[in-house]
Amino acid sequence: MSLKAILRPWIGFLALQPLTILWCYFYNIDYWSNLGIFSIICTIYLIPIYELYERLYPKSLSISANQDDT
């Protein structure tokens, strides 16, 4: 499994935590009994999904800064 596939969901997890914590604060929701555990489970679930995506996504469809728009 690639390091990229492992790190990508955890970076997303960290990036979404301020929004998640604010959501819990504004709606008076307990973070750990609702969204915290769910966020961690979703992050772990996404690791093999991203690995599969990296393996199956055709490299020929990649967008490169060197390609001209035609």
PDB file of N, CA and C in Angstrom:
ATOM      1  N   MET A   1       0.859  -1.172   0.000  1.00  0.00           N
ATOM      2  CA  MET A   1       0.000   0.000   0.000  1.00  0.00           C
ATOM      3  C   MET A   1       0.904   1.234   0.000  1.00  0.00           C
ATOM      4  N   SER A   2       0.555   2.206  -0.793  1.00  0.00           N
ATOM      5  CA  SER A   2       1.392   3.395  -0.915  1.00  0.00           C
ATOM      6  C   SER A   2       1.213   4.327   0.288  1.00  0.00           C
ATOM      7  N   LEU A   3       2.269   5.049   0.578  1.00  0.00           N
ATOM      8  CA  LEU A   3       2.225   6.032   1.664  1.00  0.00           C
ATOM      9  C   LEU A   3       1.190   7.114   1.352  1.00  0.00           C
ATOM     10  N   LYS A   4       1.062   7.457   0.086  1.00  0.00           N
ATOM     11  CA  LYS A   4       0.090   8.460  -0.354  1.00  0.00           C
ATOM     12  C   LYS A   4      -1.333   8.037   0.005  1.00  0.00           C
ATOM     13  N   ALA A   5      -1.652   6.773  -0.219  1.00  0.00           N
ATOM     14  CA  ALA A   5      -2.998   6.267   0.079  1.00  0.00           C
ATOM     15  C   ALA A   5      -3.262   6.249   1.581  1.00  0.00           C
ATOM     16  N   ILE A   6      -2.216   6.072   2.370  1.00  0.00           N
ATOM     17  CA  ILE A   6      -2.382   6.060   3.823  1.00  0.00           C
ATOM     18  C   ILE A   6      -2.514   7.480   4.373  1.00  0.00           C
ATOM     19  N   LEU A   7      -1.685   8.391   3.884  1.00  0.00           N
ATOM     20  CA  LEU A   7      -1.671   9.747   4.430  1.00  0.00           C
ATOM     21  C   LEU A   7      -2.833  10.621   3.960  1.00  0.00           C
ATOM     22  N   ARG A   8      -3.299  10.429   2.734  1.00  0.00           N
ATOM     23  CA  ARG A   8      -4.339  11.300   2.170  1.00  0.00           C
ATOM     24  C   ARG A   8      -5.599  11.373   3.038  1.00  0.00           C
ATOM     25  N   PRO A   9      -6.182  10.265   3.484  1.00  0.00           N
ATOM     26  CA  PRO A   9      -7.383  10.388   4.313  1.00  0.00           C
ATOM     27  C   PRO A   9      -7.104  11.013   5.677  1.00  0.00           C
ATOM     28  N   TRP A  10      -5.912  10.791   6.231  1.00  0.00           N
ATOM     29  CA  TRP A  10      -5.593  11.392   7.537  1.00  0.00           C
ATOM     30  C   TRP A  10      -5.406  12.895   7.422  1.00  0.00           C
ATOM     31  N   ILE A  11      -4.843  13.364   6.308  1.00  0.00           N
ATOM     32  CA  ILE A  11      -4.722  14.806   6.080  1.00  0.00           C
ATOM     33  C   ILE A  11      -6.121  15.410   5.941  1.00  0.00           C
ATOM     34  N   GLY A  12      -7.004  14.720   5.210  1.00  0.00           N
ATOM     35  CA  GLY A  12      -8.391  15.179   5.096  1.00  0.00           C
ATOM     36  C   GLY A  12      -9.091  15.192   6.441  1.00  0.00           C
ATOM     37  N   PHE A  13      -8.830  14.179   7.242  1.00  0.00           N
ATOM     38  CA  PHE A  13      -9.404  14.115   8.588  1.00  0.00           C
ATOM     39  C   PHE A  13      -8.984  15.335   9.402  1.00  0.00           C
ATOM     40  N   LEU A  14      -7.691  15.638   9.394  1.00  0.00           N
ATOM     41  CA  LEU A  14      -7.194  16.792  10.149  1.00  0.00           C
ATOM     42  C   LEU A  14      -7.755  18.110   9.608  1.00  0.00           C
ATOM     43  N   ALA A  15      -7.865  18.201   8.301  1.00  0.00           N
ATOM     44  CA  ALA A  15      -8.379  19.430   7.684  1.00  0.00           C
ATOM     45  C   ALA A  15      -9.850  19.665   8.021  1.00  0.00           C
ATOM     46  N   LEU A  16     -10.618  18.606   8.201  1.00  0.00           N
ATOM     47  CA  LEU A  16     -12.049  18.745   8.477  1.00  0.00           C
ATOM     48  C   LEU A  16     -12.382  18.923   9.960  1.00  0.00           C
ATOM     49  N   GLN A  17     -11.434  18.687  10.848  1.00  0.00           N
ATOM     50  CA  GLN A  17     -11.746  18.749  12.272  1.00  0.00           C
ATOM     51  C   GLN A  17     -12.187  20.126  12.767  1.00  0.00           C
ATOM     52  N   PRO A  18     -11.584  21.232  12.322  1.00  0.00           N
ATOM     53  CA  PRO A  18     -12.104  22.528  12.780  1.00  0.00           C
ATOM     54  C   PRO A  18     -13.578  22.739  12.418  1.00  0.00           C
ATOM     55  N   LEU A  19     -13.952  22.367  11.197  1.00  0.00           N
ATOM     56  CA  LEU A  19     -15.346  22.488  10.771  1.00  0.00           C
ATOM     57  C   LEU A  19     -16.253  21.565  11.586  1.00  0.00           C
ATOM     58  N   THR A  20     -15.794  20.347  11.827  1.00  0.00           N
ATOM     59  CA  THR A  20     -16.573  19.377  12.600  1.00  0.00           C
ATOM     60  C   THR A  20     -16.770  19.854  14.039  1.00  0.00           C
ATOM     61  N   ILE A  21     -15.719  20.369  14.642  1.00  0.00           N
ATOM     62  CA  ILE A  21     -15.817  20.860  16.019  1.00  0.00           C
ATOM     63  C   ILE A  21     -16.738  22.074  16.094  1.00  0.00           C
ATOM     64  N   LEU A  22     -16.645  22.974  15.125  1.00  0.00           N
ATOM     65  CA  LEU A  22     -17.563  24.124  15.095  1.00  0.00           C
ATOM     66  C   LEU A  22     -19.014  23.674  14.935  1.00  0.00           C
ATOM     67  N   TRP A  23     -19.239  22.692  14.074  1.00  0.00           N
ATOM     68  CA  TRP A  23     -20.586  22.151  13.874  1.00  0.00           C
ATOM     69  C   TRP A  23     -21.145  21.632  15.196  1.00  0.00           C
ATOM     70  N   CYS A  24     -20.322  20.869  15.894  1.00  0.00           N
ATOM     71  CA  CYS A  24     -20.752  20.327  17.190  1.00  0.00           C
ATOM     72  C   CYS A  24     -21.024  21.442  18.186  1.00  0.00           C
ATOM     73  N   TYR A  25     -20.199  22.462  18.171  1.00  0.00           N
ATOM     74  CA  TYR A  25     -20.381  23.585  19.091  1.00  0.00           C
ATOM     75  C   TYR A  25     -21.684  24.343  18.793  1.00  0.00           C
ATOM     76  N   PHE A  26     -21.905  24.680  17.528  1.00  0.00           N
ATOM     77  CA  PHE A  26     -23.094  25.463  17.157  1.00  0.00           C
ATOM     78  C   PHE A  26     -24.395  24.705  17.378  1.00  0.00           C
ATOM     79  N   TYR A  27     -24.372  23.388  17.195  1.00  0.00           N
ATOM     80  CA  TYR A  27     -25.589  22.595  17.339  1.00  0.00           C
ATOM     81  C   TYR A  27     -25.642  21.817  18.647  1.00  0.00           C
ATOM     82  N   ASN A  28     -24.716  22.140  19.559  1.00  0.00           N
ATOM     83  CA  ASN A  28     -24.690  21.546  20.892  1.00  0.00           C
ATOM     84  C   ASN A  28     -24.690  20.010  20.824  1.00  0.00           C
ATOM     85  N   ILE A  29     -23.785  19.483  19.998  1.00  0.00           N
ATOM     86  CA  ILE A  29     -23.633  18.042  19.812  1.00  0.00           C
ATOM     87  C   ILE A  29     -22.325  17.627  20.485  1.00  0.00           C
ATOM     88  N   ASP A  30     -22.343  16.528  21.209  1.00  0.00           N
ATOM     89  CA  ASP A  30     -21.124  16.008  21.810  1.00  0.00           C
ATOM     90  C   ASP A  30     -20.258  15.394  20.714  1.00  0.00           C
ATOM     91  N   TYR A  31     -19.040  15.893  20.567  1.00  0.00           N
ATOM     92  CA  TYR A  31     -18.142  15.466  19.491  1.00  0.00           C
ATOM     93  C   TYR A  31     -17.850  13.965  19.538  1.00  0.00           C
ATOM     94  N   TRP A  32     -17.399  13.452  20.671  1.00  0.00           N
ATOM     95  CA  TRP A  32     -16.961  12.063  20.741  1.00  0.00           C
ATOM     96  C   TRP A  32     -18.096  11.057  20.658  1.00  0.00           C
ATOM     97  N   SER A  33     -19.274  11.404  21.129  1.00  0.00           N
ATOM     98  CA  SER A  33     -20.364  10.429  21.061  1.00  0.00           C
ATOM     99  C   SER A  33     -21.069  10.446  19.707  1.00  0.00           C
ATOM    100  N   ASN A  34     -20.753  11.413  18.861  1.00  0.00           N
ATOM    101  CA  ASN A  34     -21.407  11.500  17.556  1.00  0.00           C
ATOM    102  C   ASN A  34     -20.420  11.479  16.391  1.00  0.00           C
ATOM    103  N   LEU A  35     -19.736  12.577  16.183  1.00  0.00           N
ATOM    104  CA  LEU A  35     -18.938  12.731  14.962  1.00  0.00           C
ATOM    105  C   LEU A  35     -17.490  12.288  15.091  1.00  0.00           C
ATOM    106  N   GLY A  36     -16.910  12.319  16.256  1.00  0.00           N
ATOM    107  CA  GLY A  36     -15.500  11.994  16.423  1.00  0.00           C
ATOM    108  C   GLY A  36     -15.164  10.573  16.030  1.00  0.00           C
ATOM    109  N   ILE A  37     -15.839   9.616  16.609  1.00  0.00           N
ATOM    110  CA  ILE A  37     -15.591   8.205  16.303  1.00  0.00           C
ATOM    111  C   ILE A  37     -15.945   7.910  14.843  1.00  0.00           C
ATOM    112  N   PHE A  38     -17.043   8.469  14.367  1.00  0.00           N
ATOM    113  CA  PHE A  38     -17.455   8.270  12.974  1.00  0.00           C
ATOM    114  C   PHE A  38     -16.382   8.795  12.013  1.00  0.00           C
ATOM    115  N   SER A  39     -15.795   9.943  12.316  1.00  0.00           N
ATOM    116  CA  SER A  39     -14.748  10.508  11.468  1.00  0.00           C
ATOM    117  C   SER A  39     -13.530   9.601  11.404  1.00  0.00           C
ATOM    118  N   ILE A  40     -13.150   9.032  12.531  1.00  0.00           N
ATOM    119  CA  ILE A  40     -11.994   8.142  12.571  1.00  0.00           C
ATOM    120  C   ILE A  40     -12.279   6.863  11.778  1.00  0.00           C
ATOM    121  N   ILE A  41     -13.451   6.298  11.945  1.00  0.00           N
ATOM    122  CA  ILE A  41     -13.825   5.086  11.213  1.00  0.00           C
ATOM    123  C   ILE A  41     -13.852   5.360   9.709  1.00  0.00           C
ATOM    124  N   CYS A  42     -14.398   6.492   9.303  1.00  0.00           N
ATOM    125  CA  CYS A  42     -14.429   6.843   7.879  1.00  0.00           C
ATOM    126  C   CYS A  42     -13.025   7.024   7.324  1.00  0.00           C
ATOM    127  N   THR A  43     -12.148   7.606   8.104  1.00  0.00           N
ATOM    128  CA  THR A  43     -10.767   7.806   7.665  1.00  0.00           C
ATOM    129  C   THR A  43     -10.078   6.471   7.443  1.00  0.00           C
ATOM    130  N   ILE A  44     -10.237   5.548   8.358  1.00  0.00           N
ATOM    131  CA  ILE A  44      -9.637   4.214   8.206  1.00  0.00           C
ATOM    132  C   ILE A  44     -10.249   3.491   7.005  1.00  0.00           C
ATOM    133  N   TYR A  45     -11.541   3.647   6.794  1.00  0.00           N
ATOM    134  CA  TYR A  45     -12.229   3.036   5.654  1.00  0.00           C
ATOM    135  C   TYR A  45     -11.678   3.576   4.323  1.00  0.00           C
ATOM    136  N   LEU A  46     -11.331   4.852   4.285  1.00  0.00           N
ATOM    137  CA  LEU A  46     -10.883   5.463   3.037  1.00  0.00           C
ATOM    138  C   LEU A  46      -9.476   5.056   2.619  1.00  0.00           C
ATOM    139  N   ILE A  47      -8.665   4.542   3.522  1.00  0.00           N
ATOM    140  CA  ILE A  47      -7.295   4.161   3.161  1.00  0.00           C
ATOM    141  C   ILE A  47      -7.279   3.129   2.034  1.00  0.00           C
ATOM    142  N   PRO A  48      -7.977   1.986   2.149  1.00  0.00           N
ATOM    143  CA  PRO A  48      -7.955   1.039   1.014  1.00  0.00           C
ATOM    144  C   PRO A  48      -8.699   1.566  -0.214  1.00  0.00           C
ATOM    145  N   ILE A  49      -9.680   2.432  -0.013  1.00  0.00           N
ATOM    146  CA  ILE A  49     -10.396   3.020  -1.153  1.00  0.00           C
ATOM    147  C   ILE A  49      -9.442   3.867  -1.990  1.00  0.00           C
ATOM    148  N   TYR A  50      -8.644   4.711  -1.332  1.00  0.00           N
ATOM    149  CA  TYR A  50      -7.674   5.524  -2.062  1.00  0.00           C
ATOM    150  C   TYR A  50      -6.609   4.671  -2.730  1.00  0.00           C
ATOM    151  N   GLU A  51      -6.174   3.590  -2.081  1.00  0.00           N
ATOM    152  CA  GLU A  51      -5.193   2.696  -2.696  1.00  0.00           C
ATOM    153  C   GLU A  51      -5.770   2.061  -3.956  1.00  0.00           C
ATOM    154  N   LEU A  52      -6.998   1.599  -3.899  1.00  0.00           N
ATOM    155  CA  LEU A  52      -7.661   1.016  -5.065  1.00  0.00           C
ATOM    156  C   LEU A  52      -7.806   2.048  -6.178  1.00  0.00           C
ATOM    157  N   TYR A  53      -8.181   3.257  -5.816  1.00  0.00           N
ATOM    158  CA  TYR A  53      -8.308   4.330  -6.800  1.00  0.00           C
ATOM    159  C   TYR A  53      -6.974   4.590  -7.497  1.00  0.00           C
ATOM    160  N   GLU A  54      -5.896   4.665  -6.729  1.00  0.00           N
ATOM    161  CA  GLU A  54      -4.575   4.911  -7.313  1.00  0.00           C
ATOM    162  C   GLU A  54      -4.168   3.801  -8.275  1.00  0.00           C
ATOM    163  N   ARG A  55      -4.556   2.572  -7.994  1.00  0.00           N
ATOM    164  CA  ARG A  55      -4.208   1.448  -8.862  1.00  0.00           C
ATOM    165  C   ARG A  55      -5.050   1.408 -10.135  1.00  0.00           C
ATOM    166  N   LEU A  56      -6.331   1.776 -10.020  1.00  0.00           N
ATOM    167  CA  LEU A  56      -7.249   1.631 -11.151  1.00  0.00           C
ATOM    168  C   LEU A  56      -7.372   2.863 -12.034  1.00  0.00           C
ATOM    169  N   TYR A  57      -7.055   4.034 -11.511  1.00  0.00           N
ATOM    170  CA  TYR A  57      -7.202   5.264 -12.285  1.00  0.00           C
ATOM    171  C   TYR A  57      -6.191   5.280 -13.422  1.00  0.00           C
ATOM    172  N   PRO A  58      -6.647   5.393 -14.644  1.00  0.00           N
ATOM    173  CA  PRO A  58      -5.718   5.396 -15.776  1.00  0.00           C
ATOM    174  C   PRO A  58      -4.809   6.620 -15.740  1.00  0.00           C
ATOM    175  N   LYS A  59      -3.523   6.388 -15.822  1.00  0.00           N
ATOM    176  CA  LYS A  59      -2.549   7.490 -15.801  1.00  0.00           C
ATOM    177  C   LYS A  59      -2.711   8.391 -17.015  1.00  0.00           C
ATOM    178  N   SER A  60      -3.263   7.871 -18.106  1.00  0.00           N
ATOM    179  CA  SER A  60      -3.442   8.678 -19.309  1.00  0.00           C
ATOM    180  C   SER A  60      -4.488   9.772 -19.124  1.00  0.00           C
ATOM    181  N   LEU A  61      -5.307   9.662 -18.090  1.00  0.00           N
ATOM    182  CA  LEU A  61      -6.330  10.674 -17.839  1.00  0.00           C
ATOM    183  C   LEU A  61      -5.843  11.756 -16.874  1.00  0.00           C
ATOM    184  N   SER A  62      -4.606  11.652 -16.420  1.00  0.00           N
ATOM    185  CA  SER A  62      -4.068  12.625 -15.480  1.00  0.00           C
ATOM    186  C   SER A  62      -3.959  13.989 -16.131  1.00  0.00           C
ATOM    187  N   ILE A  63      -4.247  15.009 -15.372  1.00  0.00           N
ATOM    188  CA  ILE A  63      -4.119  16.392 -15.848  1.00  0.00           C
ATOM    189  C   ILE A  63      -2.730  16.873 -15.507  1.00  0.00           C
ATOM    190  N   SER A  64      -2.057  17.380 -16.493  1.00  0.00           N
ATOM    191  CA  SER A  64      -0.712  17.873 -16.295  1.00  0.00           C
ATOM    192  C   SER A  64      -0.648  19.346 -16.669  1.00  0.00           C
ATOM    193  N   ALA A  65       0.204  20.086 -15.985  1.00  0.00           N
ATOM    194  CA  ALA A  65       0.354  21.504 -16.276  1.00  0.00           C
ATOM    195  C   ALA A  65       0.988  21.725 -17.638  1.00  0.00           C
ATOM    196  N   ASN A  66       1.615  20.709 -18.201  1.00  0.00           N
ATOM    197  CA  ASN A  66       2.307  20.835 -19.491  1.00  0.00           C
ATOM    198  C   ASN A  66       1.392  20.570 -20.674  1.00  0.00           C
ATOM    199  N   GLN A  67       0.188  20.109 -20.469  1.00  0.00           N
ATOM    200  CA  GLN A  67      -0.716  19.794 -21.565  1.00  0.00           C
ATOM    201  C   GLN A  67      -1.422  21.052 -22.049  1.00  0.00           C
ATOM    202  N   ASP A  68      -1.615  21.132 -23.354  1.00  0.00           N
ATOM    203  CA  ASP A  68      -2.342  22.252 -23.940  1.00  0.00           C
ATOM    204  C   ASP A  68      -3.838  21.923 -23.954  1.00  0.00           C
ATOM    205  N   ASP A  69      -4.662  22.948 -23.787  1.00  0.00           N
ATOM    206  CA  ASP A  69      -6.118  22.756 -23.899  1.00  0.00           C
ATOM    207  C   ASP A  69      -6.481  22.681 -25.360  1.00  0.00           C
ATOM    208  N   THR A  70      -7.112  21.597 -25.758  1.00  0.00           N
ATOM    209  CA  THR A  70      -7.520  21.453 -27.156  1.00  0.00           C
ATOM    210  C   THR A  70      -8.994  21.182 -27.244  1.00  0.00           C
TER     211      THR A  70
END
